[in-house]
């Protein structure tokens, strides 16, 4: 799965969760600053990511590094076998 494919899927997940259009989501979109995500939103999104990409449970210390959509895409890309 390419980074572009992961981004497409991530943008759809983010758009669905935050009631916006996938086209509005960029790699630089910040979960907290741009989307106003709180911890509950992030847990829901992470659960959707785990299920969608079949990466297993994302560890809490890894979660703290995921500040933008791009961070999440790169994290998933490092976990998904191409």
PDB file of N, CA and C in Angstrom:
ATOM      1  N   UNK A   1       0.862  -1.177   0.000  1.00  0.00           N
ATOM      2  CA  UNK A   1       0.000   0.000   0.000  1.00  0.00           C
ATOM      3  C   UNK A   1       0.909   1.241   0.000  1.00  0.00           C
ATOM      4  N   UNK A   2       0.689   2.127  -0.942  1.00  0.00           N
ATOM      5  CA  UNK A   2       1.549   3.311  -1.071  1.00  0.00           C
ATOM      6  C   UNK A   2       1.137   4.396  -0.076  1.00  0.00           C
ATOM      7  N   UNK A   3       2.038   5.344   0.131  1.00  0.00           N
ATOM      8  CA  UNK A   3       1.741   6.474   1.009  1.00  0.00           C
ATOM      9  C   UNK A   3       0.525   7.233   0.478  1.00  0.00           C
ATOM     10  N   UNK A   4       0.431   7.352  -0.839  1.00  0.00           N
ATOM     11  CA  UNK A   4      -0.717   8.048  -1.434  1.00  0.00           C
ATOM     12  C   UNK A   4      -2.026   7.329  -1.121  1.00  0.00           C
ATOM     13  N   UNK A   5      -2.004   5.994  -1.222  1.00  0.00           N
ATOM     14  CA  UNK A   5      -3.211   5.212  -0.920  1.00  0.00           C
ATOM     15  C   UNK A   5      -3.581   5.338   0.563  1.00  0.00           C
ATOM     16  N   UNK A   6      -2.566   5.309   1.414  1.00  0.00           N
ATOM     17  CA  UNK A   6      -2.810   5.448   2.850  1.00  0.00           C
ATOM     18  C   UNK A   6      -3.410   6.828   3.125  1.00  0.00           C
ATOM     19  N   UNK A   7      -2.849   7.871   2.484  1.00  0.00           N
ATOM     20  CA  UNK A   7      -3.375   9.226   2.680  1.00  0.00           C
ATOM     21  C   UNK A   7      -4.830   9.313   2.233  1.00  0.00           C
ATOM     22  N   UNK A   8      -5.155   8.713   1.085  1.00  0.00           N
ATOM     23  CA  UNK A   8      -6.544   8.743   0.595  1.00  0.00           C
ATOM     24  C   UNK A   8      -7.484   8.140   1.633  1.00  0.00           C
ATOM     25  N   UNK A   9      -7.106   6.992   2.161  1.00  0.00           N
ATOM     26  CA  UNK A   9      -7.947   6.321   3.145  1.00  0.00           C
ATOM     27  C   UNK A   9      -8.021   7.126   4.434  1.00  0.00           C
ATOM     28  N   UNK A  10      -6.872   7.662   4.878  1.00  0.00           N
ATOM     29  CA  UNK A  10      -6.843   8.476   6.097  1.00  0.00           C
ATOM     30  C   UNK A  10      -7.715   9.712   5.944  1.00  0.00           C
ATOM     31  N   UNK A  11      -7.642  10.355   4.773  1.00  0.00           N
ATOM     32  CA  UNK A  11      -8.439  11.576   4.580  1.00  0.00           C
ATOM     33  C   UNK A  11      -9.926  11.251   4.645  1.00  0.00           C
ATOM     34  N   UNK A  12     -10.311  10.071   4.155  1.00  0.00           N
ATOM     35  CA  UNK A  12     -11.717   9.656   4.248  1.00  0.00           C
ATOM     36  C   UNK A  12     -12.115   9.387   5.700  1.00  0.00           C
ATOM     37  N   UNK A  13     -11.231   8.714   6.452  1.00  0.00           N
ATOM     38  CA  UNK A  13     -11.522   8.443   7.868  1.00  0.00           C
ATOM     39  C   UNK A  13     -11.658   9.749   8.650  1.00  0.00           C
ATOM     40  N   UNK A  14     -10.720  10.666   8.430  1.00  0.00           N
ATOM     41  CA  UNK A  14     -10.734  11.953   9.138  1.00  0.00           C
ATOM     42  C   UNK A  14     -11.981  12.751   8.750  1.00  0.00           C
ATOM     43  N   UNK A  15     -12.264  12.789   7.462  1.00  0.00           N
ATOM     44  CA  UNK A  15     -13.427  13.551   6.977  1.00  0.00           C
ATOM     45  C   UNK A  15     -14.716  13.011   7.586  1.00  0.00           C
ATOM     46  N   UNK A  16     -14.833  11.691   7.641  1.00  0.00           N
ATOM     47  CA  UNK A  16     -16.038  11.079   8.213  1.00  0.00           C
ATOM     48  C   UNK A  16     -16.171  11.425   9.694  1.00  0.00           C
ATOM     49  N   UNK A  17     -15.076  11.328  10.428  1.00  0.00           N
ATOM     50  CA  UNK A  17     -15.129  11.565  11.868  1.00  0.00           C
ATOM     51  C   UNK A  17     -15.374  13.027  12.216  1.00  0.00           C
ATOM     52  N   UNK A  18     -14.830  13.937  11.395  1.00  0.00           N
ATOM     53  CA  UNK A  18     -14.928  15.358  11.734  1.00  0.00           C
ATOM     54  C   UNK A  18     -15.920  16.107  10.845  1.00  0.00           C
ATOM     55  N   UNK A  19     -16.773  15.360  10.148  1.00  0.00           N
ATOM     56  CA  UNK A  19     -17.851  15.939   9.333  1.00  0.00           C
ATOM     57  C   UNK A  19     -17.337  17.014   8.383  1.00  0.00           C
ATOM     58  N   UNK A  20     -16.420  16.600   7.513  1.00  0.00           N
ATOM     59  CA  UNK A  20     -15.874  17.512   6.517  1.00  0.00           C
ATOM     60  C   UNK A  20     -15.642  16.753   5.226  1.00  0.00           C
ATOM     61  N   UNK A  21     -15.235  17.452   4.189  1.00  0.00           N
ATOM     62  CA  UNK A  21     -14.966  16.807   2.908  1.00  0.00           C
ATOM     63  C   UNK A  21     -13.537  16.252   2.901  1.00  0.00           C
ATOM     64  N   UNK A  22     -13.330  15.056   2.333  1.00  0.00           N
ATOM     65  CA  UNK A  22     -11.966  14.509   2.260  1.00  0.00           C
ATOM     66  C   UNK A  22     -10.983  15.466   1.570  1.00  0.00           C
ATOM     67  N   UNK A  23     -11.462  16.259   0.616  1.00  0.00           N
ATOM     68  CA  UNK A  23     -10.588  17.185  -0.106  1.00  0.00           C
ATOM     69  C   UNK A  23     -10.034  18.281   0.805  1.00  0.00           C
ATOM     70  N   UNK A  24     -10.692  18.514   1.942  1.00  0.00           N
ATOM     71  CA  UNK A  24     -10.231  19.538   2.885  1.00  0.00           C
ATOM     72  C   UNK A  24      -9.080  19.043   3.760  1.00  0.00           C
ATOM     73  N   UNK A  25      -8.833  17.745   3.756  1.00  0.00           N
ATOM     74  CA  UNK A  25      -7.804  17.147   4.603  1.00  0.00           C
ATOM     75  C   UNK A  25      -6.481  17.151   3.842  1.00  0.00           C
ATOM     76  N   UNK A  26      -5.420  17.651   4.500  1.00  0.00           N
ATOM     77  CA  UNK A  26      -4.087  17.621   3.900  1.00  0.00           C
ATOM     78  C   UNK A  26      -3.137  16.887   4.837  1.00  0.00           C
ATOM     79  N   UNK A  27      -1.931  16.641   4.369  1.00  0.00           N
ATOM     80  CA  UNK A  27      -0.919  15.997   5.213  1.00  0.00           C
ATOM     81  C   UNK A  27      -0.581  16.895   6.406  1.00  0.00           C
ATOM     82  N   UNK A  28      -0.760  18.211   6.246  1.00  0.00           N
ATOM     83  CA  UNK A  28      -0.425  19.161   7.313  1.00  0.00           C
ATOM     84  C   UNK A  28      -1.581  19.435   8.268  1.00  0.00           C
ATOM     85  N   UNK A  29      -2.744  18.835   8.018  1.00  0.00           N
ATOM     86  CA  UNK A  29      -3.894  19.061   8.900  1.00  0.00           C
ATOM     87  C   UNK A  29      -3.562  18.561  10.307  1.00  0.00           C
ATOM     88  N   UNK A  30      -3.652  19.469  11.273  1.00  0.00           N
ATOM     89  CA  UNK A  30      -3.373  19.127  12.670  1.00  0.00           C
ATOM     90  C   UNK A  30      -4.660  18.639  13.326  1.00  0.00           C
ATOM     91  N   UNK A  31      -4.567  17.506  14.030  1.00  0.00           N
ATOM     92  CA  UNK A  31      -5.757  16.959  14.680  1.00  0.00           C
ATOM     93  C   UNK A  31      -6.321  17.933  15.713  1.00  0.00           C
ATOM     94  N   UNK A  32      -5.466  18.483  16.552  1.00  0.00           N
ATOM     95  CA  UNK A  32      -5.949  19.358  17.622  1.00  0.00           C
ATOM     96  C   UNK A  32      -6.201  20.775  17.133  1.00  0.00           C
ATOM     97  N   UNK A  33      -5.223  21.371  16.447  1.00  0.00           N
ATOM     98  CA  UNK A  33      -5.353  22.780  16.059  1.00  0.00           C
ATOM     99  C   UNK A  33      -6.375  22.994  14.944  1.00  0.00           C
ATOM    100  N   UNK A  34      -6.308  22.194  13.881  1.00  0.00           N
ATOM    101  CA  UNK A  34      -7.188  22.403  12.730  1.00  0.00           C
ATOM    102  C   UNK A  34      -8.565  21.758  12.905  1.00  0.00           C
ATOM    103  N   UNK A  35      -8.590  20.607  13.561  1.00  0.00           N
ATOM    104  CA  UNK A  35      -9.840  19.855  13.665  1.00  0.00           C
ATOM    105  C   UNK A  35     -10.497  19.977  15.040  1.00  0.00           C
ATOM    106  N   UNK A  36      -9.785  20.517  16.004  1.00  0.00           N
ATOM    107  CA  UNK A  36     -10.335  20.647  17.348  1.00  0.00           C
ATOM    108  C   UNK A  36     -10.563  19.312  18.027  1.00  0.00           C
ATOM    109  N   UNK A  37      -9.752  18.326  17.676  1.00  0.00           N
ATOM    110  CA  UNK A  37      -9.933  16.981  18.228  1.00  0.00           C
ATOM    111  C   UNK A  37      -9.584  16.951  19.709  1.00  0.00           C
ATOM    112  N   UNK A  38     -10.416  16.245  20.474  1.00  0.00           N
ATOM    113  CA  UNK A  38     -10.082  16.007  21.876  1.00  0.00           C
ATOM    114  C   UNK A  38      -9.659  14.544  22.007  1.00  0.00           C
ATOM    115  N   UNK A  39      -9.374  14.119  23.222  1.00  0.00           N
ATOM    116  CA  UNK A  39      -8.854  12.762  23.404  1.00  0.00           C
ATOM    117  C   UNK A  39      -9.841  11.700  22.944  1.00  0.00           C
ATOM    118  N   UNK A  40     -11.129  11.938  23.119  1.00  0.00           N
ATOM    119  CA  UNK A  40     -12.145  10.968  22.681  1.00  0.00           C
ATOM    120  C   UNK A  40     -12.140  10.859  21.156  1.00  0.00           C
ATOM    121  N   UNK A  41     -12.068  12.018  20.472  1.00  0.00           N
ATOM    122  CA  UNK A  41     -11.996  12.007  19.006  1.00  0.00           C
ATOM    123  C   UNK A  41     -10.789  11.212  18.531  1.00  0.00           C
ATOM    124  N   UNK A  42      -9.654  11.432  19.193  1.00  0.00           N
ATOM    125  CA  UNK A  42      -8.426  10.759  18.768  1.00  0.00           C
ATOM    126  C   UNK A  42      -8.498   9.257  19.009  1.00  0.00           C
ATOM    127  N   UNK A  43      -9.092   8.850  20.119  1.00  0.00           N
ATOM    128  CA  UNK A  43      -9.261   7.410  20.387  1.00  0.00           C
ATOM    129  C   UNK A  43     -10.150   6.786  19.311  1.00  0.00           C
ATOM    130  N   UNK A  44     -11.239   7.456  18.973  1.00  0.00           N
ATOM    131  CA  UNK A  44     -12.129   6.940  17.925  1.00  0.00           C
ATOM    132  C   UNK A  44     -11.389   6.823  16.593  1.00  0.00           C
ATOM    133  N   UNK A  45     -10.609   7.845  16.258  1.00  0.00           N
ATOM    134  CA  UNK A  45      -9.874   7.834  14.999  1.00  0.00           C
ATOM    135  C   UNK A  45      -8.832   6.723  14.987  1.00  0.00           C
ATOM    136  N   UNK A  46      -8.126   6.557  16.088  1.00  0.00           N
ATOM    137  CA  UNK A  46      -7.108   5.509  16.176  1.00  0.00           C
ATOM    138  C   UNK A  46      -7.751   4.130  16.036  1.00  0.00           C
ATOM    139  N   UNK A  47      -8.896   3.934  16.664  1.00  0.00           N
ATOM    140  CA  UNK A  47      -9.583   2.640  16.529  1.00  0.00           C
ATOM    141  C   UNK A  47      -9.965   2.396  15.073  1.00  0.00           C
ATOM    142  N   UNK A  48     -10.424   3.447  14.384  1.00  0.00           N
ATOM    143  CA  UNK A  48     -10.765   3.315  12.963  1.00  0.00           C
ATOM    144  C   UNK A  48      -9.516   2.999  12.142  1.00  0.00           C
ATOM    145  N   UNK A  49      -8.391   3.645  12.478  1.00  0.00           N
ATOM    146  CA  UNK A  49      -7.125   3.380  11.769  1.00  0.00           C
ATOM    147  C   UNK A  49      -6.680   1.940  11.971  1.00  0.00           C
ATOM    148  N   UNK A  50      -6.741   1.477  13.223  1.00  0.00           N
ATOM    149  CA  UNK A  50      -6.321   0.106  13.540  1.00  0.00           C
ATOM    150  C   UNK A  50      -7.132  -0.902  12.741  1.00  0.00           C
ATOM    151  N   UNK A  51      -8.436  -0.661  12.666  1.00  0.00           N
ATOM    152  CA  UNK A  51      -9.328  -1.572  11.947  1.00  0.00           C
ATOM    153  C   UNK A  51      -9.105  -1.490  10.436  1.00  0.00           C
ATOM    154  N   UNK A  52      -9.064  -0.271   9.909  1.00  0.00           N
ATOM    155  CA  UNK A  52      -8.939  -0.059   8.464  1.00  0.00           C
ATOM    156  C   UNK A  52      -7.628  -0.609   7.912  1.00  0.00           C
ATOM    157  N   UNK A  53      -6.525  -0.339   8.628  1.00  0.00           N
ATOM    158  CA  UNK A  53      -5.210  -0.716   8.112  1.00  0.00           C
ATOM    159  C   UNK A  53      -4.673  -2.021   8.691  1.00  0.00           C
ATOM    160  N   UNK A  54      -5.433  -2.616   9.637  1.00  0.00           N
ATOM    161  CA  UNK A  54      -5.054  -3.890  10.252  1.00  0.00           C
ATOM    162  C   UNK A  54      -3.622  -3.861  10.785  1.00  0.00           C
ATOM    163  N   UNK A  55      -3.323  -2.836  11.589  1.00  0.00           N
ATOM    164  CA  UNK A  55      -1.971  -2.680  12.132  1.00  0.00           C
ATOM    165  C   UNK A  55      -1.862  -3.125  13.586  1.00  0.00           C
ATOM    166  N   UNK A  56      -2.936  -3.661  14.126  1.00  0.00           N
ATOM    167  CA  UNK A  56      -2.902  -4.039  15.537  1.00  0.00           C
ATOM    168  C   UNK A  56      -3.069  -2.795  16.395  1.00  0.00           C
ATOM    169  N   UNK A  57      -2.867  -2.965  17.685  1.00  0.00           N
ATOM    170  CA  UNK A  57      -3.084  -1.847  18.605  1.00  0.00           C
ATOM    171  C   UNK A  57      -1.941  -0.847  18.518  1.00  0.00           C
ATOM    172  N   UNK A  58      -2.299   0.418  18.338  1.00  0.00           N
ATOM    173  CA  UNK A  58      -1.301   1.485  18.288  1.00  0.00           C
ATOM    174  C   UNK A  58      -0.971   1.876  19.727  1.00  0.00           C
ATOM    175  N   UNK A  59       0.301   1.807  20.073  1.00  0.00           N
ATOM    176  CA  UNK A  59       0.728   2.061  21.450  1.00  0.00           C
ATOM    177  C   UNK A  59       0.572   3.527  21.831  1.00  0.00           C
ATOM    178  N   UNK A  60       0.319   3.767  23.118  1.00  0.00           N
ATOM    179  CA  UNK A  60       0.077   5.131  23.606  1.00  0.00           C
ATOM    180  C   UNK A  60       1.260   6.056  23.337  1.00  0.00           C
ATOM    181  N   UNK A  61       2.497   5.534  23.501  1.00  0.00           N
ATOM    182  CA  UNK A  61       3.658   6.403  23.255  1.00  0.00           C
ATOM    183  C   UNK A  61       3.754   6.788  21.778  1.00  0.00           C
ATOM    184  N   UNK A  62       3.292   5.904  20.882  1.00  0.00           N
ATOM    185  CA  UNK A  62       3.262   6.235  19.455  1.00  0.00           C
ATOM    186  C   UNK A  62       2.189   7.281  19.176  1.00  0.00           C
ATOM    187  N   UNK A  63       1.060   7.163  19.872  1.00  0.00           N
ATOM    188  CA  UNK A  63      -0.041   8.107  19.674  1.00  0.00           C
ATOM    189  C   UNK A  63       0.391   9.542  19.937  1.00  0.00           C
ATOM    190  N   UNK A  64       1.240   9.717  20.933  1.00  0.00           N
ATOM    191  CA  UNK A  64       1.669  11.067  21.307  1.00  0.00           C
ATOM    192  C   UNK A  64       2.453  11.744  20.191  1.00  0.00           C
ATOM    193  N   UNK A  65       2.993  10.964  19.264  1.00  0.00           N
ATOM    194  CA  UNK A  65       3.779  11.541  18.168  1.00  0.00           C
ATOM    195  C   UNK A  65       2.911  11.888  16.960  1.00  0.00           C
ATOM    196  N   UNK A  66       1.661  11.472  16.977  1.00  0.00           N
ATOM    197  CA  UNK A  66       0.771  11.700  15.836  1.00  0.00           C
ATOM    198  C   UNK A  66       0.002  13.009  16.015  1.00  0.00           C
ATOM    199  N   UNK A  67       0.579  14.081  15.489  1.00  0.00           N
ATOM    200  CA  UNK A  67      -0.029  15.409  15.643  1.00  0.00           C
ATOM    201  C   UNK A  67      -0.794  15.849  14.396  1.00  0.00           C
ATOM    202  N   UNK A  68      -0.368  15.347  13.235  1.00  0.00           N
ATOM    203  CA  UNK A  68      -1.002  15.743  11.971  1.00  0.00           C
ATOM    204  C   UNK A  68      -1.424  14.502  11.194  1.00  0.00           C
ATOM    205  N   UNK A  69      -2.215  14.729  10.162  1.00  0.00           N
ATOM    206  CA  UNK A  69      -2.606  13.625   9.277  1.00  0.00           C
ATOM    207  C   UNK A  69      -1.352  12.997   8.671  1.00  0.00           C
ATOM    208  N   UNK A  70      -0.398  13.832   8.292  1.00  0.00           N
ATOM    209  CA  UNK A  70       0.856  13.318   7.723  1.00  0.00           C
ATOM    210  C   UNK A  70       1.594  12.408   8.681  1.00  0.00           C
ATOM    211  N   UNK A  71       1.623  12.771   9.968  1.00  0.00           N
ATOM    212  CA  UNK A  71       2.255  11.912  10.977  1.00  0.00           C
ATOM    213  C   UNK A  71       1.573  10.542  11.001  1.00  0.00           C
ATOM    214  N   UNK A  72       0.251  10.554  10.965  1.00  0.00           N
ATOM    215  CA  UNK A  72      -0.510   9.300  11.004  1.00  0.00           C
ATOM    216  C   UNK A  72      -0.262   8.478   9.742  1.00  0.00           C
ATOM    217  N   UNK A  73      -0.237   9.144   8.584  1.00  0.00           N
ATOM    218  CA  UNK A  73       0.006   8.444   7.318  1.00  0.00           C
ATOM    219  C   UNK A  73       1.382   7.790   7.342  1.00  0.00           C
ATOM    220  N   UNK A  74       2.400   8.533   7.767  1.00  0.00           N
ATOM    221  CA  UNK A  74       3.757   7.987   7.809  1.00  0.00           C
ATOM    222  C   UNK A  74       3.873   6.856   8.823  1.00  0.00           C
ATOM    223  N   UNK A  75       3.169   6.981   9.947  1.00  0.00           N
ATOM    224  CA  UNK A  75       3.166   5.923  10.953  1.00  0.00           C
ATOM    225  C   UNK A  75       2.557   4.650  10.366  1.00  0.00           C
ATOM    226  N   UNK A  76       1.403   4.788   9.734  1.00  0.00           N
ATOM    227  CA  UNK A  76       0.750   3.624   9.117  1.00  0.00           C
ATOM    228  C   UNK A  76       1.641   3.029   8.034  1.00  0.00           C
ATOM    229  N   UNK A  77       2.246   3.883   7.223  1.00  0.00           N
ATOM    230  CA  UNK A  77       3.122   3.400   6.143  1.00  0.00           C
ATOM    231  C   UNK A  77       4.267   2.565   6.716  1.00  0.00           C
ATOM    232  N   UNK A  78       4.764   2.938   7.892  1.00  0.00           N
ATOM    233  CA  UNK A  78       5.864   2.179   8.497  1.00  0.00           C
ATOM    234  C   UNK A  78       5.390   0.844   9.060  1.00  0.00           C
ATOM    235  N   UNK A  79       4.092   0.718   9.313  1.00  0.00           N
ATOM    236  CA  UNK A  79       3.531  -0.511   9.895  1.00  0.00           C
ATOM    237  C   UNK A  79       2.938  -1.464   8.861  1.00  0.00           C
ATOM    238  N   UNK A  80       2.481  -0.895   7.744  1.00  0.00           N
ATOM    239  CA  UNK A  80       1.798  -1.708   6.729  1.00  0.00           C
ATOM    240  C   UNK A  80       2.832  -2.325   5.797  1.00  0.00           C
ATOM    241  N   UNK A  81       2.653  -3.568   5.519  1.00  0.00           N
ATOM    242  CA  UNK A  81       3.554  -4.217   4.572  1.00  0.00           C
ATOM    243  C   UNK A  81       3.107  -3.873   3.156  1.00  0.00           C
ATOM    244  N   UNK A  82       4.039  -3.431   2.339  1.00  0.00           N
ATOM    245  CA  UNK A  82       3.663  -3.016   0.967  1.00  0.00           C
ATOM    246  C   UNK A  82       3.308  -4.200   0.108  1.00  0.00           C
TER     247      UNK A  82
END
